[in-house]
Amino acid sequence: INAEYGVNDRVIEFQQCNLLEFSHNSGGGKRKRQAGNVFAASAVASTASFNVLASGANGDPHLVGAHGEHYEFFGQPGAVYTLFSTPQFVLNMQLWDKGPGDRYIERLGVVFRNFTHVFSTAAFHPKKFEQKLNRELVSLGGKATVSPFHIQLELCEGHKVDIAHGVALAQKNVGDIYHLDVAVTVPGCHDAYGGALGQTYQCRYATGGERFVWSQSRKVEETFRVKSLSAKAGAFARDAPCHDVAKQFAGQSPMSGRSGKV
C-alpha cells in the first residue's frame, strides 16, 4: 500500500493484490491505492516449523498463542491491559469501548527504556513519522521502519513489534471500526515474558512439558490490567541491557507471530 488514509476511508488489505479502486464514506470521487504485502485484519497465521512459534492478538480481541492456542480476551470497555511484557519492553493495549463482540484494540502503548509512545489509528506520513520515531529510538538501540498502515519497531536485536492498521467494515450498530493489529517477533522463549499474550512464550510451554491453558474469566483478565498505556509491567526495567537477551537466546530458534481476527 503506498498511500495515506483518513478516518473516513474504507481500507481493504490483501497479502497480494493489484491496483484497488474504492470510495470513502463522505462521498466524492474515488481514490486509488496500490496494495502490497501487509498482514490483513482478517487473517491469523501460525507457523508449523519446528521450534518456531507464532502468536497474535486482535479481533474481540482474539488471541493466538505461541503454540497455536486460540483464546479470547474480552476485558472492560476502554480499559488498558498488558499484551506483552519483557525485561526490555512492554506493550499495553487499550480496548475499544464497544463490545464485547465489537471490542478491538484501539491504541497500543510501547515502553522501551526511556521511550514511550502511544500508537493509534490516526493517519500518518510514513517518512516523517519514521524520522520522528528514530530520533528517539536510535540512541536507545532501537529502530523504526514505517510504511503506509504499517510500523515495525526493533527493540533490541531480534525483538520486533509490527503494528498495522485494520478495519472491520459495517459492524452492527457501530459502523466501521478502525483498529490495530500487533505482531511480535522474539529470538526465543523466555520465562520472564508476561502479559495476556506474552505468557505463551514462556519456556515451560516451549519444551512440551506443560501445555498452556487459558482460564476464561473476568478475574483472570483483570490480572493483566494496568492504569495507563505507559505503565510498566512484569519484569520490565528501563536499564535492562540487550546483551543479556542475546546470551539468553543463544542456540534458540526465533519465535514470531502476527495478529488477526479469527
C-alpha atoms as a PDB file:
ATOM      1  CA  ILE A   1       0.000   0.000   0.000  1.00  0.00           C
ATOM      2  CA  ASN A   2       1.539   3.302  -0.917  1.00  0.00           C
ATOM      3  CA  ALA A   3      -0.971   5.957   0.099  1.00  0.00           C
ATOM      4  CA  GLU A   4      -2.146   7.529   3.321  1.00  0.00           C
ATOM      5  CA  TYR A   5      -5.718   7.345   4.509  1.00  0.00           C
ATOM      6  CA  GLY A   6      -8.131   9.257   6.667  1.00  0.00           C
ATOM      7  CA  VAL A   7     -10.738   8.249   9.184  1.00  0.00           C
ATOM      8  CA  ASN A   8     -13.484   8.131   6.559  1.00  0.00           C
ATOM      9  CA  ASP A   9     -11.730   5.757   4.203  1.00  0.00           C
ATOM     10  CA  ARG A  10     -12.667   2.133   3.786  1.00  0.00           C
ATOM     11  CA  VAL A  11      -9.437   0.152   3.805  1.00  0.00           C
ATOM     12  CA  ILE A  12      -9.142  -3.329   2.315  1.00  0.00           C
ATOM     13  CA  GLU A  13      -5.910  -5.195   2.956  1.00  0.00           C
ATOM     14  CA  PHE A  14      -4.651  -8.208   0.979  1.00  0.00           C
ATOM     15  CA  GLN A  15      -1.457 -10.208   1.027  1.00  0.00           C
ATOM     16  CA  GLN A  16      -1.045  -9.670  -2.710  1.00  0.00           C
ATOM     17  CA  CYS A  17      -3.205  -7.617  -4.976  1.00  0.00           C
ATOM     18  CA  ASN A  18      -3.181  -5.141  -7.797  1.00  0.00           C
ATOM     19  CA  LEU A  19      -4.436  -1.582  -8.011  1.00  0.00           C
ATOM     20  CA  LEU A  20      -7.556  -1.141  -5.914  1.00  0.00           C
ATOM     21  CA  GLU A  21     -10.255   1.430  -6.500  1.00  0.00           C
ATOM     22  CA  PHE A  22     -12.746   2.363  -3.816  1.00  0.00           C
ATOM     23  CA  SER A  23     -14.677   5.286  -2.375  1.00  0.00           C
ATOM     24  CA  HIS A  24     -14.865   6.676   1.133  1.00  0.00           C
ATOM     25  CA  ASN A  25     -17.862   7.368   3.350  1.00  0.00           C
ATOM     26  CA  SER A  26     -18.047  11.107   2.925  1.00  0.00           C
ATOM     27  CA  GLY A  27     -18.807  10.855  -0.782  1.00  0.00           C
ATOM     28  CA  GLY A  28     -16.891  12.457  -3.636  1.00  0.00           C
ATOM     29  CA  GLY A  29     -14.523  10.820  -6.049  1.00  0.00           C
ATOM     30  CA  LYS A  30     -12.726   7.534  -5.844  1.00  0.00           C
ATOM     31  CA  ARG A  31      -9.202   7.035  -4.580  1.00  0.00           C
ATOM     32  CA  LYS A  32      -6.688   4.544  -5.918  1.00  0.00           C
ATOM     33  CA  ARG A  33      -4.085   2.752  -3.850  1.00  0.00           C
ATOM     34  CA  GLN A  34      -1.502   0.132  -4.626  1.00  0.00           C
ATOM     35  CA  ALA A  35      -1.729  -2.656  -2.079  1.00  0.00           C
ATOM     36  CA  GLY A  36       1.392  -4.532  -1.131  1.00  0.00           C
ATOM     37  CA  ASN A  37       2.457  -7.181   1.342  1.00  0.00           C
ATOM     38  CA  VAL A  38       0.892  -6.285   4.684  1.00  0.00           C
ATOM     39  CA  PHE A  39      -0.803  -8.560   7.157  1.00  0.00           C
ATOM     40  CA  ALA A  40      -4.546  -8.184   6.961  1.00  0.00           C
ATOM     41  CA  ALA A  41      -7.037  -7.662   9.739  1.00  0.00           C
ATOM     42  CA  SER A  42      -8.911 -10.744   8.664  1.00  0.00           C
ATOM     43  CA  ALA A  43      -6.174 -13.362   8.922  1.00  0.00           C
ATOM     44  CA  VAL A  44      -4.235 -15.106  11.652  1.00  0.00           C
ATOM     45  CA  ALA A  45      -1.358 -17.357  10.740  1.00  0.00           C
ATOM     46  CA  SER A  46       0.905 -19.552  12.803  1.00  0.00           C
ATOM     47  CA  THR A  47       3.915 -21.410  11.520  1.00  0.00           C
ATOM     48  CA  ALA A  48       4.281 -25.158  11.844  1.00  0.00           C
ATOM     49  CA  SER A  49       8.061 -25.082  11.567  1.00  0.00           C
ATOM     50  CA  PHE A  50       9.865 -26.923  14.328  1.00  0.00           C
ATOM     51  CA  ASN A  51      10.768 -24.693  17.247  1.00  0.00           C
ATOM     52  CA  VAL A  52       9.402 -21.568  15.551  1.00  0.00           C
ATOM     53  CA  LEU A  53       6.296 -20.311  17.292  1.00  0.00           C
ATOM     54  CA  ALA A  54       3.601 -17.870  16.235  1.00  0.00           C
ATOM     55  CA  SER A  55       1.068 -15.825  18.118  1.00  0.00           C
ATOM     56  CA  GLY A  56      -1.035 -12.708  17.801  1.00  0.00           C
ATOM     57  CA  ALA A  57      -3.856 -10.620  19.191  1.00  0.00           C
ATOM     58  CA  ASN A  58      -6.740  -8.777  17.612  1.00  0.00           C
ATOM     59  CA  GLY A  59     -10.429  -9.047  16.923  1.00  0.00           C
ATOM     60  CA  ASP A  60     -12.524  -9.022  20.079  1.00  0.00           C
ATOM     61  CA  PRO A  61      -9.578  -9.365  20.677  1.00  0.00           C
ATOM     62  CA  HIS A  62      -8.862 -12.934  19.659  1.00  0.00           C
ATOM     63  CA  LEU A  63      -5.516 -14.279  20.848  1.00  0.00           C
ATOM     64  CA  VAL A  64      -3.462 -16.946  19.130  1.00  0.00           C
ATOM     65  CA  GLY A  65      -0.730 -18.202  21.418  1.00  0.00           C
ATOM     66  CA  ALA A  66       2.836 -19.118  20.588  1.00  0.00           C
ATOM     67  CA  HIS A  67       1.859 -22.762  20.104  1.00  0.00           C
ATOM     68  CA  GLY A  68      -1.395 -22.160  18.254  1.00  0.00           C
ATOM     69  CA  GLU A  69      -3.616 -21.790  21.309  1.00  0.00           C
ATOM     70  CA  HIS A  70      -6.826 -19.927  20.438  1.00  0.00           C
ATOM     71  CA  TYR A  71      -8.500 -17.930  23.178  1.00  0.00           C
ATOM     72  CA  GLU A  72     -10.439 -14.699  23.587  1.00  0.00           C
ATOM     73  CA  PHE A  73      -9.811 -11.681  25.767  1.00  0.00           C
ATOM     74  CA  PHE A  74     -12.939  -9.611  26.395  1.00  0.00           C
ATOM     75  CA  GLY A  75     -11.822  -7.128  29.054  1.00  0.00           C
ATOM     76  CA  GLN A  76     -13.642  -3.964  30.066  1.00  0.00           C
ATOM     77  CA  PRO A  77     -14.691  -1.210  27.613  1.00  0.00           C
ATOM     78  CA  GLY A  78     -11.899   1.340  27.222  1.00  0.00           C
ATOM     79  CA  ALA A  79      -9.651  -0.411  29.737  1.00  0.00           C
ATOM     80  CA  VAL A  80      -5.885  -0.943  29.359  1.00  0.00           C
ATOM     81  CA  TYR A  81      -4.202  -4.348  29.658  1.00  0.00           C
ATOM     82  CA  THR A  82      -0.655  -5.595  29.223  1.00  0.00           C
ATOM     83  CA  LEU A  83      -0.461  -7.570  25.999  1.00  0.00           C
ATOM     84  CA  PHE A  84       3.237  -8.434  26.120  1.00  0.00           C
ATOM     85  CA  SER A  85       5.972  -7.707  28.649  1.00  0.00           C
ATOM     86  CA  THR A  86       9.686  -8.463  28.616  1.00  0.00           C
ATOM     87  CA  PRO A  87      12.615  -7.164  30.690  1.00  0.00           C
ATOM     88  CA  GLN A  88      13.339  -4.756  27.794  1.00  0.00           C
ATOM     89  CA  PHE A  89       9.900  -3.506  26.684  1.00  0.00           C
ATOM     90  CA  VAL A  90       6.184  -3.517  27.436  1.00  0.00           C
ATOM     91  CA  LEU A  91       3.168  -3.454  25.098  1.00  0.00           C
ATOM     92  CA  ASN A  92      -0.083  -2.229  26.653  1.00  0.00           C
ATOM     93  CA  MET A  93      -3.341  -2.378  24.682  1.00  0.00           C
ATOM     94  CA  GLN A  94      -6.398  -0.207  25.134  1.00  0.00           C
ATOM     95  CA  LEU A  95      -9.672  -1.805  24.042  1.00  0.00           C
ATOM     96  CA  TRP A  96     -12.454  -0.074  22.176  1.00  0.00           C
ATOM     97  CA  ASP A  97     -15.388   0.957  24.350  1.00  0.00           C
ATOM     98  CA  LYS A  98     -17.733  -1.141  22.178  1.00  0.00           C
ATOM     99  CA  GLY A  99     -18.298  -4.789  22.849  1.00  0.00           C
ATOM    100  CA  PRO A 100     -17.701  -7.379  23.923  1.00  0.00           C
ATOM    101  CA  GLY A 101     -18.477  -8.593  20.398  1.00  0.00           C
ATOM    102  CA  ASP A 102     -17.178  -5.418  18.756  1.00  0.00           C
ATOM    103  CA  ARG A 103     -14.261  -4.750  21.100  1.00  0.00           C
ATOM    104  CA  TYR A 104     -10.978  -4.292  19.260  1.00  0.00           C
ATOM    105  CA  ILE A 105      -7.541  -2.873  20.076  1.00  0.00           C
ATOM    106  CA  GLU A 106      -7.844   0.887  19.708  1.00  0.00           C
ATOM    107  CA  ARG A 107      -4.443   2.062  20.933  1.00  0.00           C
ATOM    108  CA  LEU A 108      -1.106   0.478  21.792  1.00  0.00           C
ATOM    109  CA  GLY A 109       1.377   1.861  24.289  1.00  0.00           C
ATOM    110  CA  VAL A 110       5.033   0.920  23.762  1.00  0.00           C
ATOM    111  CA  VAL A 111       7.503   1.375  26.606  1.00  0.00           C
ATOM    112  CA  PHE A 112      11.186   0.776  25.800  1.00  0.00           C
ATOM    113  CA  ARG A 113      13.796   2.190  28.171  1.00  0.00           C
ATOM    114  CA  ASN A 114      13.112   5.953  28.221  1.00  0.00           C
ATOM    115  CA  PHE A 115      10.985   5.762  25.066  1.00  0.00           C
ATOM    116  CA  THR A 116       7.217   5.783  25.487  1.00  0.00           C
ATOM    117  CA  HIS A 117       4.814   6.209  22.594  1.00  0.00           C
ATOM    118  CA  VAL A 118       1.108   5.603  22.090  1.00  0.00           C
ATOM    119  CA  PHE A 119       0.159   4.313  18.635  1.00  0.00           C
ATOM    120  CA  SER A 120      -3.382   4.864  17.390  1.00  0.00           C
ATOM    121  CA  THR A 121      -5.366   4.501  14.174  1.00  0.00           C
ATOM    122  CA  ALA A 122      -4.742   8.133  13.196  1.00  0.00           C
ATOM    123  CA  ALA A 123      -3.284   8.734   9.734  1.00  0.00           C
ATOM    124  CA  PHE A 124       0.436   9.495   9.450  1.00  0.00           C
ATOM    125  CA  HIS A 125       3.036  10.475   6.879  1.00  0.00           C
ATOM    126  CA  PRO A 126       5.322   7.414   6.726  1.00  0.00           C
ATOM    127  CA  LYS A 127       8.649   9.153   6.108  1.00  0.00           C
ATOM    128  CA  LYS A 128       8.092  11.931   8.657  1.00  0.00           C
ATOM    129  CA  PHE A 129       6.751   9.519  11.264  1.00  0.00           C
ATOM    130  CA  GLU A 130       9.716   7.180  10.790  1.00  0.00           C
ATOM    131  CA  GLN A 131      12.137  10.075  11.255  1.00  0.00           C
ATOM    132  CA  LYS A 132      10.325  11.215  14.385  1.00  0.00           C
ATOM    133  CA  LEU A 133      10.417   7.752  15.957  1.00  0.00           C
ATOM    134  CA  ASN A 134      14.074   7.181  15.102  1.00  0.00           C
ATOM    135  CA  ARG A 135      15.125  10.454  16.679  1.00  0.00           C
ATOM    136  CA  GLU A 136      14.217   8.816  19.972  1.00  0.00           C
ATOM    137  CA  LEU A 137      14.861   5.141  19.292  1.00  0.00           C
ATOM    138  CA  VAL A 138      18.281   5.065  17.651  1.00  0.00           C
ATOM    139  CA  SER A 139      20.091   6.480  20.683  1.00  0.00           C
ATOM    140  CA  LEU A 140      18.469   3.748  22.802  1.00  0.00           C
ATOM    141  CA  GLY A 141      19.495   0.921  20.482  1.00  0.00           C
ATOM    142  CA  GLY A 142      16.165   0.656  18.673  1.00  0.00           C
ATOM    143  CA  LYS A 143      14.928   1.347  15.163  1.00  0.00           C
ATOM    144  CA  ALA A 144      11.641   2.142  13.423  1.00  0.00           C
ATOM    145  CA  THR A 145      10.669   1.280   9.840  1.00  0.00           C
ATOM    146  CA  VAL A 146       7.425   2.871   8.679  1.00  0.00           C
ATOM    147  CA  SER A 147       5.311   2.340   5.577  1.00  0.00           C
ATOM    148  CA  PRO A 148       1.652   3.215   4.983  1.00  0.00           C
ATOM    149  CA  PHE A 149      -0.586   1.441   7.511  1.00  0.00           C
ATOM    150  CA  HIS A 150       2.403  -0.395   8.993  1.00  0.00           C
ATOM    151  CA  ILE A 151       5.061   0.335  11.624  1.00  0.00           C
ATOM    152  CA  GLN A 152       7.854  -2.009  12.625  1.00  0.00           C
ATOM    153  CA  LEU A 153       9.875  -1.369  15.771  1.00  0.00           C
ATOM    154  CA  GLU A 154      13.066  -3.268  16.541  1.00  0.00           C
ATOM    155  CA  LEU A 155      13.658  -3.110  20.279  1.00  0.00           C
ATOM    156  CA  CYS A 156      16.958  -4.891  20.943  1.00  0.00           C
ATOM    157  CA  GLU A 157      18.348  -7.184  18.255  1.00  0.00           C
ATOM    158  CA  GLY A 158      15.817  -9.785  17.126  1.00  0.00           C
ATOM    159  CA  HIS A 159      12.917  -8.250  19.086  1.00  0.00           C
ATOM    160  CA  LYS A 160      10.430  -6.778  16.618  1.00  0.00           C
ATOM    161  CA  VAL A 161       6.957  -5.335  17.074  1.00  0.00           C
ATOM    162  CA  ASP A 162       4.771  -4.857  13.988  1.00  0.00           C
ATOM    163  CA  ILE A 163       1.760  -2.570  14.254  1.00  0.00           C
ATOM    164  CA  ALA A 164      -0.712  -2.486  11.362  1.00  0.00           C
ATOM    165  CA  HIS A 165      -3.912  -0.548  10.815  1.00  0.00           C
ATOM    166  CA  GLY A 166      -7.007  -2.613  10.125  1.00  0.00           C
ATOM    167  CA  VAL A 167     -10.712  -2.007   9.705  1.00  0.00           C
ATOM    168  CA  ALA A 168     -13.786  -4.090  10.455  1.00  0.00           C
ATOM    169  CA  LEU A 169     -16.361  -2.902   7.938  1.00  0.00           C
ATOM    170  CA  ALA A 170     -20.002  -2.219   8.765  1.00  0.00           C
ATOM    171  CA  GLN A 171     -20.136  -3.667  12.264  1.00  0.00           C
ATOM    172  CA  LYS A 172     -23.670  -3.953  13.602  1.00  0.00           C
ATOM    173  CA  ASN A 173     -24.878  -0.786  15.346  1.00  0.00           C
ATOM    174  CA  VAL A 174     -21.430   0.868  15.275  1.00  0.00           C
ATOM    175  CA  GLY A 175     -20.370   1.051  11.619  1.00  0.00           C
ATOM    176  CA  ASP A 176     -16.743   0.684  10.578  1.00  0.00           C
ATOM    177  CA  ILE A 177     -14.215   0.065  13.352  1.00  0.00           C
ATOM    178  CA  TYR A 178     -10.627   1.160  12.783  1.00  0.00           C
ATOM    179  CA  HIS A 179      -8.273  -0.844  14.950  1.00  0.00           C
ATOM    180  CA  LEU A 180      -4.714  -2.091  15.363  1.00  0.00           C
ATOM    181  CA  ASP A 181      -3.162  -5.480  14.699  1.00  0.00           C
ATOM    182  CA  VAL A 182       0.002  -6.275  16.635  1.00  0.00           C
ATOM    183  CA  ALA A 183       2.698  -8.815  15.787  1.00  0.00           C
ATOM    184  CA  VAL A 184       5.693  -9.703  17.958  1.00  0.00           C
ATOM    185  CA  THR A 185       8.893 -11.490  16.950  1.00  0.00           C
ATOM    186  CA  VAL A 186      11.434 -12.553  19.589  1.00  0.00           C
ATOM    187  CA  PRO A 187      14.618 -14.651  19.421  1.00  0.00           C
ATOM    188  CA  GLY A 188      13.229 -17.493  21.542  1.00  0.00           C
ATOM    189  CA  CYS A 189      11.295 -18.438  24.664  1.00  0.00           C
ATOM    190  CA  HIS A 190      11.922 -16.663  27.969  1.00  0.00           C
ATOM    191  CA  ASP A 191      10.365 -17.283  31.380  1.00  0.00           C
ATOM    192  CA  ALA A 192      10.375 -13.534  32.057  1.00  0.00           C
ATOM    193  CA  TYR A 193       7.816 -12.929  29.294  1.00  0.00           C
ATOM    194  CA  GLY A 194       4.379 -11.951  30.509  1.00  0.00           C
ATOM    195  CA  GLY A 195       1.130 -10.299  29.527  1.00  0.00           C
ATOM    196  CA  ALA A 196      -2.107 -11.696  28.139  1.00  0.00           C
ATOM    197  CA  LEU A 197      -0.275 -12.859  25.012  1.00  0.00           C
ATOM    198  CA  GLY A 198       3.368 -12.886  26.102  1.00  0.00           C
ATOM    199  CA  GLN A 199       2.791 -15.556  28.738  1.00  0.00           C
ATOM    200  CA  THR A 200       2.500 -18.158  25.965  1.00  0.00           C
ATOM    201  CA  TYR A 201       6.148 -17.502  25.005  1.00  0.00           C
ATOM    202  CA  GLN A 202       7.485 -18.836  28.307  1.00  0.00           C
ATOM    203  CA  CYS A 203       9.955 -21.706  28.041  1.00  0.00           C
ATOM    204  CA  ARG A 204       7.864 -24.067  30.139  1.00  0.00           C
ATOM    205  CA  TYR A 205       5.402 -24.229  27.229  1.00  0.00           C
ATOM    206  CA  ALA A 206       8.089 -24.403  24.537  1.00  0.00           C
ATOM    207  CA  THR A 207       9.652 -27.632  25.815  1.00  0.00           C
ATOM    208  CA  GLY A 208       6.397 -29.584  25.543  1.00  0.00           C
ATOM    209  CA  GLY A 209       6.421 -30.466  29.214  1.00  0.00           C
ATOM    210  CA  GLU A 210       3.491 -28.194  30.042  1.00  0.00           C
ATOM    211  CA  ARG A 211       0.502 -27.138  27.964  1.00  0.00           C
ATOM    212  CA  PHE A 212      -0.822 -23.581  28.177  1.00  0.00           C
ATOM    213  CA  VAL A 213      -4.484 -23.470  29.205  1.00  0.00           C
ATOM    214  CA  TRP A 214      -6.417 -20.192  29.289  1.00  0.00           C
ATOM    215  CA  SER A 215      -8.971 -19.797  32.064  1.00  0.00           C
ATOM    216  CA  GLN A 216     -11.706 -17.675  30.518  1.00  0.00           C
ATOM    217  CA  SER A 217     -12.867 -15.466  33.364  1.00  0.00           C
ATOM    218  CA  ARG A 218     -13.112 -11.780  34.171  1.00  0.00           C
ATOM    219  CA  LYS A 219     -10.978 -12.336  37.257  1.00  0.00           C
ATOM    220  CA  VAL A 220      -8.084 -13.750  35.228  1.00  0.00           C
ATOM    221  CA  GLU A 221      -8.325 -10.985  32.621  1.00  0.00           C
ATOM    222  CA  GLU A 222      -8.165  -8.315  35.307  1.00  0.00           C
ATOM    223  CA  THR A 223      -4.779  -9.602  36.496  1.00  0.00           C
ATOM    224  CA  PHE A 224      -3.326  -8.053  33.308  1.00  0.00           C
ATOM    225  CA  ARG A 225      -5.000  -4.676  33.789  1.00  0.00           C
ATOM    226  CA  VAL A 226      -2.796  -1.601  34.203  1.00  0.00           C
ATOM    227  CA  LYS A 227      -3.543   2.040  34.893  1.00  0.00           C
ATOM    228  CA  SER A 228      -2.250   3.538  31.649  1.00  0.00           C
ATOM    229  CA  LEU A 229      -0.714   2.821  28.253  1.00  0.00           C
ATOM    230  CA  SER A 230       2.662   3.928  29.628  1.00  0.00           C
ATOM    231  CA  ALA A 231       2.575   1.613  32.638  1.00  0.00           C
ATOM    232  CA  LYS A 232       5.483  -0.679  33.460  1.00  0.00           C
ATOM    233  CA  ALA A 233       4.606  -4.354  33.865  1.00  0.00           C
ATOM    234  CA  GLY A 234       6.149  -7.734  34.573  1.00  0.00           C
ATOM    235  CA  ALA A 235       9.949  -7.938  34.629  1.00  0.00           C
ATOM    236  CA  PHE A 236      10.439  -4.678  32.733  1.00  0.00           C
ATOM    237  CA  ALA A 237      13.323  -2.428  33.766  1.00  0.00           C
ATOM    238  CA  ARG A 238      14.359   0.729  31.903  1.00  0.00           C
ATOM    239  CA  ASP A 239      18.027  -0.210  32.199  1.00  0.00           C
ATOM    240  CA  ALA A 240      17.696  -3.878  31.157  1.00  0.00           C
ATOM    241  CA  PRO A 241      20.598  -4.484  28.741  1.00  0.00           C
ATOM    242  CA  CYS A 242      20.134  -6.047  25.337  1.00  0.00           C
ATOM    243  CA  HIS A 243      23.349  -8.094  25.588  1.00  0.00           C
ATOM    244  CA  ASP A 244      21.823 -10.219  28.355  1.00  0.00           C
ATOM    245  CA  VAL A 245      18.992 -11.020  25.979  1.00  0.00           C
ATOM    246  CA  ALA A 246      21.385 -12.195  23.266  1.00  0.00           C
ATOM    247  CA  LYS A 247      23.106 -14.525  25.731  1.00  0.00           C
ATOM    248  CA  GLN A 248      19.795 -15.920  26.978  1.00  0.00           C
ATOM    249  CA  PHE A 249      18.662 -16.871  23.461  1.00  0.00           C
ATOM    250  CA  ALA A 250      21.934 -18.383  22.242  1.00  0.00           C
ATOM    251  CA  GLY A 251      21.172 -21.518  20.224  1.00  0.00           C
ATOM    252  CA  GLN A 252      17.402 -20.968  20.104  1.00  0.00           C
ATOM    253  CA  SER A 253      15.254 -20.577  17.010  1.00  0.00           C
ATOM    254  CA  PRO A 254      13.253 -17.357  16.614  1.00  0.00           C
ATOM    255  CA  MET A 255       9.640 -17.094  17.723  1.00  0.00           C
ATOM    256  CA  SER A 256       7.420 -14.963  15.532  1.00  0.00           C
ATOM    257  CA  GLY A 257       3.750 -14.304  15.051  1.00  0.00           C
ATOM    258  CA  ARG A 258       1.140 -11.854  13.864  1.00  0.00           C
ATOM    259  CA  SER A 259      -2.287 -10.774  14.852  1.00  0.00           C
ATOM    260  CA  GLY A 260      -5.661 -11.001  13.176  1.00  0.00           C
ATOM    261  CA  LYS A 261      -9.297 -11.785  13.672  1.00  0.00           C
ATOM    262  CA  VAL A 262     -10.210 -15.477  13.575  1.00  0.00           C
END
